[in-house]
Amino acid sequence: MPDIKGFADVKIIKAGVDGRPTAQILVSSDIGVDQLSKVIAGVTRNKDLRKLLGLKACLACRSGFNLDIRDQFINELRVDLQQIGG
């Protein structure tokens, strides 16, 4: 079982449900608020990422991103749809 203590996984979706860029941030349950704010700042203020997504807001601004913050689960279930006939 992997040790995910203090880690965050970030997935960026260029056009989420509402058409806006979405950052899904999966965090371990022991992450602190100060650590989480650093992760959010790292995502929202990344010049290369903002350019890739076509966002032109200033780097101090966090608008333009939807943030979806969730608990990271240690156990994942991956289903091979071809194997089950899907």
N, C-alpha and C. Protein backbone atom coordinates (compact mmCIF):
# COMPACT_ATOMS: atom_id res chain seq x y z
N MET A 1 0.85 -1.18 0.00
CA MET A 1 0.00 0.00 0.00
C MET A 1 0.89 1.24 0.00
N PRO A 2 0.69 2.18 -0.93
CA PRO A 2 1.56 3.36 -1.00
C PRO A 2 1.31 4.31 0.17
N ASP A 3 2.36 5.01 0.56
CA ASP A 3 2.24 6.02 1.61
C ASP A 3 2.03 7.37 0.92
N ILE A 4 0.84 7.95 1.08
CA ILE A 4 0.54 9.22 0.42
C ILE A 4 0.51 10.38 1.40
N LYS A 5 1.06 10.17 2.58
CA LYS A 5 1.03 11.20 3.61
C LYS A 5 1.66 12.50 3.12
N GLY A 6 0.92 13.58 3.22
CA GLY A 6 1.43 14.88 2.87
C GLY A 6 1.54 15.15 1.38
N PHE A 7 0.87 14.38 0.57
CA PHE A 7 0.95 14.56 -0.88
C PHE A 7 -0.37 15.05 -1.46
N ALA A 8 -0.27 15.65 -2.63
CA ALA A 8 -1.46 16.07 -3.37
C ALA A 8 -1.26 15.69 -4.83
N ASP A 9 -2.27 15.13 -5.43
CA ASP A 9 -2.27 14.86 -6.86
C ASP A 9 -3.16 15.90 -7.50
N VAL A 10 -2.69 16.48 -8.60
CA VAL A 10 -3.46 17.53 -9.29
C VAL A 10 -3.72 17.08 -10.71
N LYS A 11 -4.98 17.13 -11.10
CA LYS A 11 -5.37 16.83 -12.48
C LYS A 11 -6.01 18.09 -13.05
N ILE A 12 -5.55 18.49 -14.21
CA ILE A 12 -6.09 19.69 -14.86
C ILE A 12 -6.95 19.27 -16.03
N ILE A 13 -8.15 19.81 -16.08
CA ILE A 13 -9.06 19.57 -17.18
C ILE A 13 -9.27 20.91 -17.87
N LYS A 14 -8.94 20.98 -19.15
CA LYS A 14 -8.99 22.26 -19.87
C LYS A 14 -10.42 22.82 -19.92
N ALA A 15 -11.41 21.95 -20.10
CA ALA A 15 -12.80 22.39 -20.13
C ALA A 15 -13.61 21.44 -19.27
N GLY A 16 -13.92 21.86 -18.06
CA GLY A 16 -14.69 21.05 -17.14
C GLY A 16 -16.17 21.05 -17.50
N VAL A 17 -17.01 20.66 -16.56
CA VAL A 17 -18.45 20.55 -16.78
C VAL A 17 -19.06 21.85 -17.29
N ASP A 18 -18.62 22.97 -16.73
CA ASP A 18 -19.18 24.26 -17.14
C ASP A 18 -18.37 24.93 -18.25
N GLY A 19 -17.40 24.20 -18.82
CA GLY A 19 -16.60 24.75 -19.90
C GLY A 19 -15.36 25.49 -19.46
N ARG A 20 -15.20 25.69 -18.15
CA ARG A 20 -14.03 26.40 -17.62
C ARG A 20 -12.96 25.40 -17.19
N PRO A 21 -11.69 25.83 -17.17
CA PRO A 21 -10.63 24.95 -16.69
C PRO A 21 -10.89 24.55 -15.24
N THR A 22 -10.62 23.29 -14.94
CA THR A 22 -10.84 22.77 -13.60
C THR A 22 -9.58 22.08 -13.11
N ALA A 23 -9.19 22.39 -11.89
CA ALA A 23 -8.08 21.69 -11.24
C ALA A 23 -8.68 20.80 -10.17
N GLN A 24 -8.57 19.49 -10.38
CA GLN A 24 -9.01 18.54 -9.37
C GLN A 24 -7.80 18.25 -8.49
N ILE A 25 -7.92 18.56 -7.21
CA ILE A 25 -6.81 18.40 -6.27
C ILE A 25 -7.19 17.32 -5.28
N LEU A 26 -6.44 16.20 -5.33
CA LEU A 26 -6.68 15.08 -4.43
C LEU A 26 -5.62 15.14 -3.34
N VAL A 27 -6.04 15.25 -2.09
CA VAL A 27 -5.09 15.42 -0.99
C VAL A 27 -5.26 14.32 0.04
N SER A 28 -4.16 14.00 0.73
CA SER A 28 -4.23 13.06 1.84
C SER A 28 -4.90 13.78 3.02
N SER A 29 -5.51 13.00 3.89
CA SER A 29 -6.29 13.60 4.98
C SER A 29 -5.44 14.36 5.98
N ASP A 30 -4.12 14.16 5.96
CA ASP A 30 -3.26 14.83 6.94
C ASP A 30 -2.66 16.14 6.41
N ILE A 31 -3.05 16.57 5.23
CA ILE A 31 -2.49 17.81 4.66
C ILE A 31 -3.07 19.01 5.42
N GLY A 32 -2.23 19.99 5.70
CA GLY A 32 -2.67 21.18 6.42
C GLY A 32 -3.17 22.26 5.48
N VAL A 33 -3.86 23.23 6.05
CA VAL A 33 -4.40 24.32 5.26
C VAL A 33 -3.29 25.11 4.58
N ASP A 34 -2.19 25.34 5.29
CA ASP A 34 -1.08 26.08 4.69
C ASP A 34 -0.47 25.31 3.52
N GLN A 35 -0.37 23.99 3.64
CA GLN A 35 0.14 23.17 2.53
C GLN A 35 -0.83 23.22 1.35
N LEU A 36 -2.12 23.11 1.63
CA LEU A 36 -3.12 23.14 0.57
C LEU A 36 -3.11 24.48 -0.15
N SER A 37 -2.94 25.57 0.58
CA SER A 37 -2.90 26.88 -0.07
C SER A 37 -1.68 27.00 -0.99
N LYS A 38 -0.56 26.36 -0.62
CA LYS A 38 0.62 26.37 -1.48
C LYS A 38 0.37 25.57 -2.76
N VAL A 39 -0.35 24.46 -2.64
CA VAL A 39 -0.69 23.66 -3.82
C VAL A 39 -1.58 24.48 -4.75
N ILE A 40 -2.59 25.13 -4.19
CA ILE A 40 -3.50 25.95 -4.99
C ILE A 40 -2.74 27.08 -5.68
N ALA A 41 -1.87 27.75 -4.95
CA ALA A 41 -1.07 28.83 -5.54
C ALA A 41 -0.17 28.29 -6.65
N GLY A 42 0.41 27.11 -6.43
CA GLY A 42 1.26 26.51 -7.45
C GLY A 42 0.51 26.20 -8.73
N VAL A 43 -0.73 25.80 -8.60
CA VAL A 43 -1.55 25.50 -9.78
C VAL A 43 -2.03 26.78 -10.44
N THR A 44 -2.59 27.67 -9.68
CA THR A 44 -3.22 28.86 -10.27
C THR A 44 -2.23 29.91 -10.74
N ARG A 45 -1.01 29.88 -10.23
CA ARG A 45 -0.02 30.90 -10.62
C ARG A 45 1.05 30.38 -11.56
N ASN A 46 0.88 29.19 -12.06
CA ASN A 46 1.84 28.59 -12.97
C ASN A 46 1.67 29.20 -14.36
N LYS A 47 2.67 29.99 -14.80
CA LYS A 47 2.57 30.72 -16.08
C LYS A 47 2.38 29.77 -17.27
N ASP A 48 3.14 28.69 -17.29
CA ASP A 48 3.05 27.75 -18.41
C ASP A 48 1.66 27.10 -18.48
N LEU A 49 1.13 26.73 -17.34
CA LEU A 49 -0.20 26.12 -17.29
C LEU A 49 -1.27 27.10 -17.71
N ARG A 50 -1.17 28.34 -17.24
CA ARG A 50 -2.15 29.37 -17.61
C ARG A 50 -2.13 29.61 -19.12
N LYS A 51 -0.92 29.63 -19.70
CA LYS A 51 -0.79 29.84 -21.14
C LYS A 51 -1.40 28.66 -21.91
N LEU A 52 -1.11 27.44 -21.45
CA LEU A 52 -1.64 26.24 -22.08
C LEU A 52 -3.17 26.24 -22.08
N LEU A 53 -3.76 26.74 -21.00
CA LEU A 53 -5.22 26.76 -20.86
C LEU A 53 -5.85 28.01 -21.49
N GLY A 54 -5.01 28.94 -21.95
CA GLY A 54 -5.53 30.15 -22.58
C GLY A 54 -6.04 31.19 -21.61
N LEU A 55 -5.53 31.15 -20.36
CA LEU A 55 -5.96 32.12 -19.35
C LEU A 55 -5.02 33.30 -19.37
N LYS A 56 -5.57 34.50 -19.35
CA LYS A 56 -4.75 35.70 -19.47
C LYS A 56 -4.82 36.59 -18.23
N ALA A 57 -5.40 36.11 -17.15
CA ALA A 57 -5.51 36.92 -15.93
C ALA A 57 -4.13 37.09 -15.31
N CYS A 58 -4.02 38.07 -14.44
CA CYS A 58 -2.74 38.31 -13.77
C CYS A 58 -2.41 37.13 -12.84
N LEU A 59 -1.13 36.98 -12.53
CA LEU A 59 -0.70 35.84 -11.73
C LEU A 59 -1.17 35.91 -10.28
N ALA A 60 -1.48 37.10 -9.79
CA ALA A 60 -1.96 37.23 -8.41
C ALA A 60 -3.43 36.82 -8.29
N CYS A 61 -4.09 36.69 -9.44
CA CYS A 61 -5.52 36.39 -9.45
C CYS A 61 -5.72 34.88 -9.56
N ARG A 62 -6.69 34.34 -8.84
CA ARG A 62 -6.99 32.91 -8.92
C ARG A 62 -8.27 32.65 -9.70
N SER A 63 -8.81 33.68 -10.32
CA SER A 63 -10.03 33.47 -11.09
C SER A 63 -9.69 32.74 -12.38
N GLY A 64 -10.69 32.16 -12.97
CA GLY A 64 -10.50 31.44 -14.22
C GLY A 64 -10.42 29.94 -14.02
N PHE A 65 -10.12 29.49 -12.80
CA PHE A 65 -10.03 28.08 -12.47
C PHE A 65 -11.18 27.67 -11.56
N ASN A 66 -11.77 26.54 -11.85
CA ASN A 66 -12.62 25.89 -10.87
C ASN A 66 -11.71 24.96 -10.08
N LEU A 67 -11.85 24.95 -8.77
CA LEU A 67 -11.06 24.06 -7.92
C LEU A 67 -11.97 22.99 -7.34
N ASP A 68 -11.59 21.76 -7.50
CA ASP A 68 -12.33 20.61 -6.98
C ASP A 68 -11.38 19.89 -6.05
N ILE A 69 -11.53 20.10 -4.74
CA ILE A 69 -10.62 19.55 -3.74
C ILE A 69 -11.29 18.36 -3.07
N ARG A 70 -10.61 17.22 -3.12
CA ARG A 70 -11.19 15.98 -2.58
C ARG A 70 -10.14 15.21 -1.80
N ASP A 71 -10.63 14.28 -0.96
CA ASP A 71 -9.74 13.37 -0.23
C ASP A 71 -9.15 12.36 -1.20
N GLN A 72 -7.86 12.08 -1.03
CA GLN A 72 -7.18 11.04 -1.79
C GLN A 72 -7.43 9.71 -1.09
N PHE A 73 -7.85 8.74 -1.83
CA PHE A 73 -8.06 7.41 -1.26
C PHE A 73 -6.87 6.54 -1.60
N ILE A 74 -6.45 5.74 -0.65
CA ILE A 74 -5.31 4.86 -0.86
C ILE A 74 -5.68 3.72 -1.80
N ASN A 75 -6.84 3.13 -1.61
CA ASN A 75 -7.27 2.00 -2.42
C ASN A 75 -8.08 2.50 -3.60
N GLU A 76 -7.61 2.17 -4.78
CA GLU A 76 -8.32 2.54 -6.00
C GLU A 76 -8.76 1.27 -6.70
N LEU A 77 -9.83 1.37 -7.44
CA LEU A 77 -10.32 0.26 -8.23
C LEU A 77 -10.32 0.69 -9.68
N ARG A 78 -9.54 0.01 -10.48
CA ARG A 78 -9.50 0.30 -11.91
C ARG A 78 -10.15 -0.87 -12.63
N VAL A 79 -11.14 -0.56 -13.44
CA VAL A 79 -11.89 -1.57 -14.15
C VAL A 79 -11.52 -1.54 -15.62
N ASP A 80 -11.11 -2.66 -16.18
CA ASP A 80 -10.80 -2.78 -17.59
C ASP A 80 -12.11 -3.07 -18.33
N LEU A 81 -12.65 -2.08 -18.99
CA LEU A 81 -13.95 -2.21 -19.64
C LEU A 81 -13.94 -3.23 -20.77
N GLN A 82 -12.81 -3.39 -21.45
CA GLN A 82 -12.73 -4.39 -22.52
C GLN A 82 -12.84 -5.80 -21.95
N GLN A 83 -12.29 -5.99 -20.77
CA GLN A 83 -12.32 -7.31 -20.15
C GLN A 83 -13.72 -7.69 -19.71
N ILE A 84 -14.53 -6.71 -19.30
CA ILE A 84 -15.88 -7.02 -18.83
C ILE A 84 -16.92 -6.84 -19.92
N GLY A 85 -16.46 -6.52 -21.13
CA GLY A 85 -17.38 -6.42 -22.26
C GLY A 85 -18.04 -5.06 -22.41
N GLY A 86 -17.39 -4.00 -21.90
CA GLY A 86 -17.97 -2.66 -21.98
C GLY A 86 -17.50 -1.86 -23.15
